[in-house]
Structures are given as C-alpha cells and as structure tokens.
Amino acid sequence: MKIFISHSSKDNELVKKIVEILDEYDIDYWVDQKELRGEGHSLWSEINDGLETSDHFILVWSKSAKKSENVKKELMSIIGPEHDELIVRIILRTDTARLWRISSDLKNHSDVSEENIENVMNEIINNVLEVDTDLIKDFESSLDDDHDSVELELDFETKNNYLYSRALRLLDKTAYDILFQRWRQSELERRKDSYLEEKNEKDEK
C-alpha cells in the first residue's frame, strides 16, 4: 500500500501533519518533498513515478489547490475507468472551494482543518486503508512496557530518547515487522478465545 498526496504548497502545514500521522503507523506515501520544503516542484517524471507506484490518492483540496496546475495534472492522471480498480481516491477539503467537475463524483470526502486532521486521518486509516491502529498501539505499548527507551541520533540531530517500539521501527524495520506479526497472531487468538468464553458464559445463563 502506498499513498500519493496531491496538494498546493499553500497547504504545507496541514500536509506535514498528514505525513506525521502516516509515519506514526509506518504507512508508505509519496509527497513532493521539494514543494513541502518550499523549494519548488519536483520534475514531472518523479511525480509520475510516485503516481504509478501508488494505489491510494489523497487530494488536499483548497482554493489554492484549485489554482494549481500541478494538482490538476496529478488528478487528471488518475481519473478514468482504467484506474477505478487500481487506485482509491480520497478528498480532504480544507475550505469551501468548489470541486472541479472531474473530481466531484469521487468518494471518500472529508472536511478537514488543523484541529480535526488527526481524527479524520485515523478514521481513513482504519476504515479506508483498513489498518488496525488500535492493534498497532497495543503492540507498541507491550514493547515499550517491556523495554527501556533508546537514545538515538538521527539525521544530524541532537540525541533524543525514543520509545523502544519507535527506535526498533527506525533501526530494524524487518525485526519490527516479524515481532508485530507474531504478536498479532497471538493477540487475535487470545481475543477470539476471550470472545468465545464470554459468549459461552452468556449462553449458560
């Protein structure tokens, strides 16, 4: 799963929050990093590579996005019957700007602001992307309860303390994934057994 994020540079602050939330759950995405840093636009070939390798498309819609030729070009690239089964489109509306006719019939519309973006994104991650955020949080809590925090120095930053789960994800993603899958299987079995036990008790009553 990979998400392409289409946006105007005027909405960079909101997009940075979206990216932070996706990072929290280790969800892969493509966003124009040059635009996000205020350095202009990436080459269209780079943007096109991001579009071709993504199966979800988030359009951050605003009055500024409506004026952006790049946003229009990106949206046009994923509109059409040939893309219907390949890519899921999600529109996050930041203001009252009317949608282009080509995008008005897309599903998964949500009104967003800097205040509610975390709740909206968590709902999208759970219900559209089908990522069980509660399960991930429970797993990471179990890791952090059993291990001390880790001091790391990343990207020339000063050393910071990271929770063990976050440090493991940054340093050894493969090990993190293996531990998660083992824990997930065990946890789902435990929940199933617990559910059946409760059901049997109710039936006996």
Protein backbone atom coordinates (compact mmCIF):
# COMPACT_ATOMS: atom_id res chain seq x y z
CA MET A 1 0.00 0.00 0.00
CA LYS A 2 1.28 3.44 -0.97
CA ILE A 3 -0.47 6.81 -0.88
CA PHE A 4 0.13 9.70 -3.27
CA ILE A 5 -0.58 13.07 -1.64
CA SER A 6 -1.55 15.87 -4.04
CA HIS A 7 -1.56 19.36 -2.59
CA SER A 8 -0.71 23.02 -3.01
CA SER A 9 2.35 24.41 -1.25
CA LYS A 10 -0.03 26.82 0.50
CA ASP A 11 -1.32 23.81 2.44
CA ASN A 12 2.11 22.54 3.50
CA GLU A 13 1.45 22.81 7.23
CA LEU A 14 -1.62 20.60 7.02
CA VAL A 15 0.19 18.12 4.76
CA LYS A 16 3.07 17.90 7.24
CA LYS A 17 0.55 16.80 9.88
CA ILE A 18 -0.86 14.20 7.48
CA VAL A 19 2.64 12.87 6.81
CA GLU A 20 3.41 12.70 10.54
CA ILE A 21 0.28 10.60 11.12
CA LEU A 22 1.14 8.24 8.25
CA ASP A 23 4.68 7.92 9.62
CA GLU A 24 3.28 7.00 13.01
CA TYR A 25 1.68 3.91 11.50
CA ASP A 26 4.51 3.25 9.06
CA ILE A 27 2.29 3.79 6.01
CA ASP A 28 4.19 4.37 2.78
CA TYR A 29 3.42 7.54 0.81
CA TRP A 30 4.72 9.82 -1.92
CA VAL A 31 4.63 13.57 -1.46
CA ASP A 32 6.53 16.26 -3.31
CA GLN A 33 9.25 16.82 -0.70
CA LYS A 34 10.67 19.82 -2.58
CA GLU A 35 7.29 21.51 -2.50
CA LEU A 36 6.84 20.53 1.15
CA ARG A 37 10.16 22.24 1.96
CA GLY A 38 9.27 25.31 -0.12
CA GLU A 39 11.93 24.61 -2.76
CA GLY A 40 9.66 24.45 -5.82
CA HIS A 41 8.33 21.38 -7.61
CA SER A 42 9.84 18.00 -8.38
CA LEU A 43 10.28 17.01 -12.01
CA TRP A 44 7.14 15.57 -13.60
CA SER A 45 8.97 12.28 -14.18
CA GLU A 46 9.46 11.97 -10.40
CA ILE A 47 5.82 12.87 -9.75
CA ASN A 48 4.67 10.37 -12.38
CA ASP A 49 6.77 7.62 -10.75
CA GLY A 50 5.02 8.40 -7.47
CA LEU A 51 1.61 8.18 -9.13
CA GLU A 52 2.38 4.91 -10.92
CA THR A 53 3.56 3.19 -7.73
CA SER A 54 0.65 4.34 -5.55
CA ASP A 55 -2.69 2.63 -5.02
CA HIS A 56 -4.28 5.41 -2.95
CA PHE A 57 -4.56 9.11 -3.84
CA ILE A 58 -5.21 11.84 -1.28
CA LEU A 59 -6.21 15.21 -2.71
CA VAL A 60 -5.87 18.05 -0.21
CA TRP A 61 -8.43 20.38 -1.70
CA SER A 62 -8.49 24.13 -1.14
CA LYS A 63 -8.80 27.40 -3.04
CA SER A 64 -5.03 27.27 -3.53
CA ALA A 65 -5.15 23.69 -4.84
CA LYS A 66 -7.87 24.70 -7.29
CA LYS A 67 -5.47 27.25 -8.81
CA SER A 68 -2.56 24.78 -9.00
CA GLU A 69 -1.76 23.38 -12.44
CA ASN A 70 0.29 20.60 -10.85
CA VAL A 71 -2.63 19.47 -8.68
CA LYS A 72 -4.91 19.44 -11.74
CA LYS A 73 -2.35 17.47 -13.74
CA GLU A 74 -1.91 14.93 -10.92
CA LEU A 75 -5.66 14.49 -10.56
CA MET A 76 -6.17 14.08 -14.32
CA SER A 77 -3.57 11.30 -14.24
CA ILE A 78 -5.71 9.07 -12.02
CA ILE A 79 -9.19 9.83 -13.41
CA GLY A 80 -10.79 7.30 -15.74
CA PRO A 81 -12.27 3.79 -15.81
CA GLU A 82 -8.85 2.21 -16.23
CA HIS A 83 -7.91 3.47 -12.76
CA ASP A 84 -11.14 2.62 -10.92
CA GLU A 85 -9.95 -0.74 -9.65
CA LEU A 86 -6.34 0.32 -9.17
CA ILE A 87 -6.48 3.41 -7.02
CA VAL A 88 -8.63 4.67 -4.15
CA ARG A 89 -9.23 8.41 -4.17
CA ILE A 90 -9.70 10.44 -1.00
CA ILE A 91 -10.52 14.15 -0.92
CA LEU A 92 -9.72 16.25 2.15
CA ARG A 93 -11.48 19.61 1.82
CA THR A 94 -9.93 22.49 3.77
CA ASP A 95 -12.35 25.23 2.71
CA THR A 96 -15.41 25.97 0.57
CA ALA A 97 -13.67 25.85 -2.82
CA ARG A 98 -15.93 24.11 -5.34
CA LEU A 99 -14.55 20.87 -6.70
CA TRP A 100 -13.68 20.53 -10.35
CA ARG A 101 -16.34 18.59 -12.20
CA ILE A 102 -13.87 15.77 -12.86
CA SER A 103 -13.42 15.23 -9.11
CA SER A 104 -16.92 15.99 -7.79
CA ASP A 105 -18.08 12.37 -8.10
CA LEU A 106 -15.12 10.87 -6.21
CA LYS A 107 -15.91 9.05 -2.98
CA ASN A 108 -14.39 9.47 0.47
CA HIS A 109 -14.84 13.21 1.01
CA SER A 110 -13.96 14.73 4.39
CA ASP A 111 -13.82 18.30 5.65
CA VAL A 112 -10.55 18.89 7.48
CA SER A 113 -8.74 21.53 9.49
CA GLU A 114 -5.58 21.56 11.58
CA GLU A 115 -7.81 20.90 14.60
CA ASN A 116 -9.54 17.74 13.34
CA ILE A 117 -6.97 16.31 10.91
CA GLU A 118 -5.76 13.66 13.37
CA ASN A 119 -9.28 12.29 13.93
CA VAL A 120 -10.10 12.37 10.20
CA MET A 121 -6.85 10.62 9.24
CA ASN A 122 -7.29 7.96 11.92
CA GLU A 123 -10.76 7.25 10.55
CA ILE A 124 -9.38 7.00 6.99
CA ILE A 125 -6.51 4.77 8.10
CA ASN A 126 -8.89 2.41 9.91
CA ASN A 127 -11.86 2.36 7.52
CA VAL A 128 -10.42 3.10 4.07
CA LEU A 129 -6.84 1.86 4.32
CA GLU A 130 -8.00 -0.93 6.67
CA VAL A 131 -5.07 -0.55 9.06
CA ASP A 132 -5.97 -1.50 12.63
CA THR A 133 -4.42 1.41 14.52
CA ASP A 134 -5.63 0.16 17.90
CA LEU A 135 -3.86 -3.16 17.34
CA ILE A 136 -0.63 -1.35 16.42
CA LYS A 137 -0.88 0.86 19.51
CA ASP A 138 -1.45 -2.16 21.74
CA PHE A 139 1.56 -3.93 20.22
CA GLU A 140 3.85 -0.95 20.65
CA SER A 141 2.64 -0.40 24.20
CA SER A 142 3.52 -4.00 25.04
CA LEU A 143 7.02 -3.50 23.59
CA ASP A 144 7.54 -0.24 25.43
CA ASP A 145 6.35 -1.73 28.73
CA ASP A 146 8.99 -4.47 28.44
CA HIS A 147 11.94 -2.33 27.29
CA ASP A 148 13.66 0.89 28.24
CA SER A 149 13.72 3.86 25.89
CA VAL A 150 16.63 4.16 23.46
CA GLU A 151 18.86 7.17 22.85
CA LEU A 152 19.38 7.82 19.13
CA GLU A 153 20.96 10.46 16.94
CA LEU A 154 19.24 10.68 13.56
CA ASP A 155 19.88 12.90 10.52
CA PHE A 156 22.46 15.03 12.30
CA GLU A 157 20.00 15.93 15.05
CA THR A 158 20.96 16.06 18.70
CA LYS A 159 20.48 12.80 20.56
CA ASN A 160 16.92 12.11 21.63
CA ASN A 161 15.25 9.41 23.66
CA TYR A 162 12.85 7.25 21.65
CA LEU A 163 10.39 4.71 22.93
CA TYR A 164 11.70 1.22 22.20
CA SER A 165 8.99 0.49 19.59
CA ARG A 166 9.81 3.66 17.66
CA ALA A 167 13.56 3.04 17.85
CA LEU A 168 13.15 -0.54 16.61
CA ARG A 169 10.99 0.62 13.71
CA LEU A 170 13.63 3.17 12.71
CA LEU A 171 16.66 0.91 13.09
CA ASP A 172 15.39 -2.52 12.04
CA LYS A 173 12.03 -2.47 10.27
CA THR A 174 12.30 -6.17 9.39
CA ALA A 175 12.67 -7.17 13.04
CA TYR A 176 9.78 -4.86 13.96
CA ASP A 177 7.52 -6.46 11.32
CA ILE A 178 8.40 -10.01 12.41
CA LEU A 179 7.67 -9.21 16.05
CA PHE A 180 4.41 -7.49 15.13
CA GLN A 181 3.14 -10.40 13.02
CA ARG A 182 3.94 -12.90 15.80
CA TRP A 183 2.31 -10.70 18.43
CA ARG A 184 -0.69 -10.01 16.17
CA GLN A 185 -1.38 -13.70 15.61
CA SER A 186 -1.13 -14.45 19.31
CA GLU A 187 -3.25 -11.44 20.26
CA LEU A 188 -6.01 -12.21 17.76
CA GLU A 189 -6.17 -15.79 19.03
CA ARG A 190 -6.35 -14.50 22.60
CA ARG A 191 -9.18 -12.14 21.69
CA LYS A 192 -11.05 -14.90 19.88
CA ASP A 193 -10.73 -17.22 22.90
CA SER A 194 -11.87 -14.42 25.20
CA TYR A 195 -14.89 -13.70 23.00
CA LEU A 196 -15.89 -17.39 22.86
CA GLU A 197 -15.50 -17.72 26.62
CA GLU A 198 -17.74 -14.71 27.25
CA LYS A 199 -20.27 -15.99 24.72
CA ASN A 200 -20.40 -19.41 26.39
CA GLU A 201 -20.92 -17.81 29.78
CA LYS A 202 -23.83 -15.76 28.44
CA ASP A 203 -25.35 -18.82 26.76
CA GLU A 204 -25.16 -20.78 30.02
CA LYS A 205 -27.08 -18.05 31.80
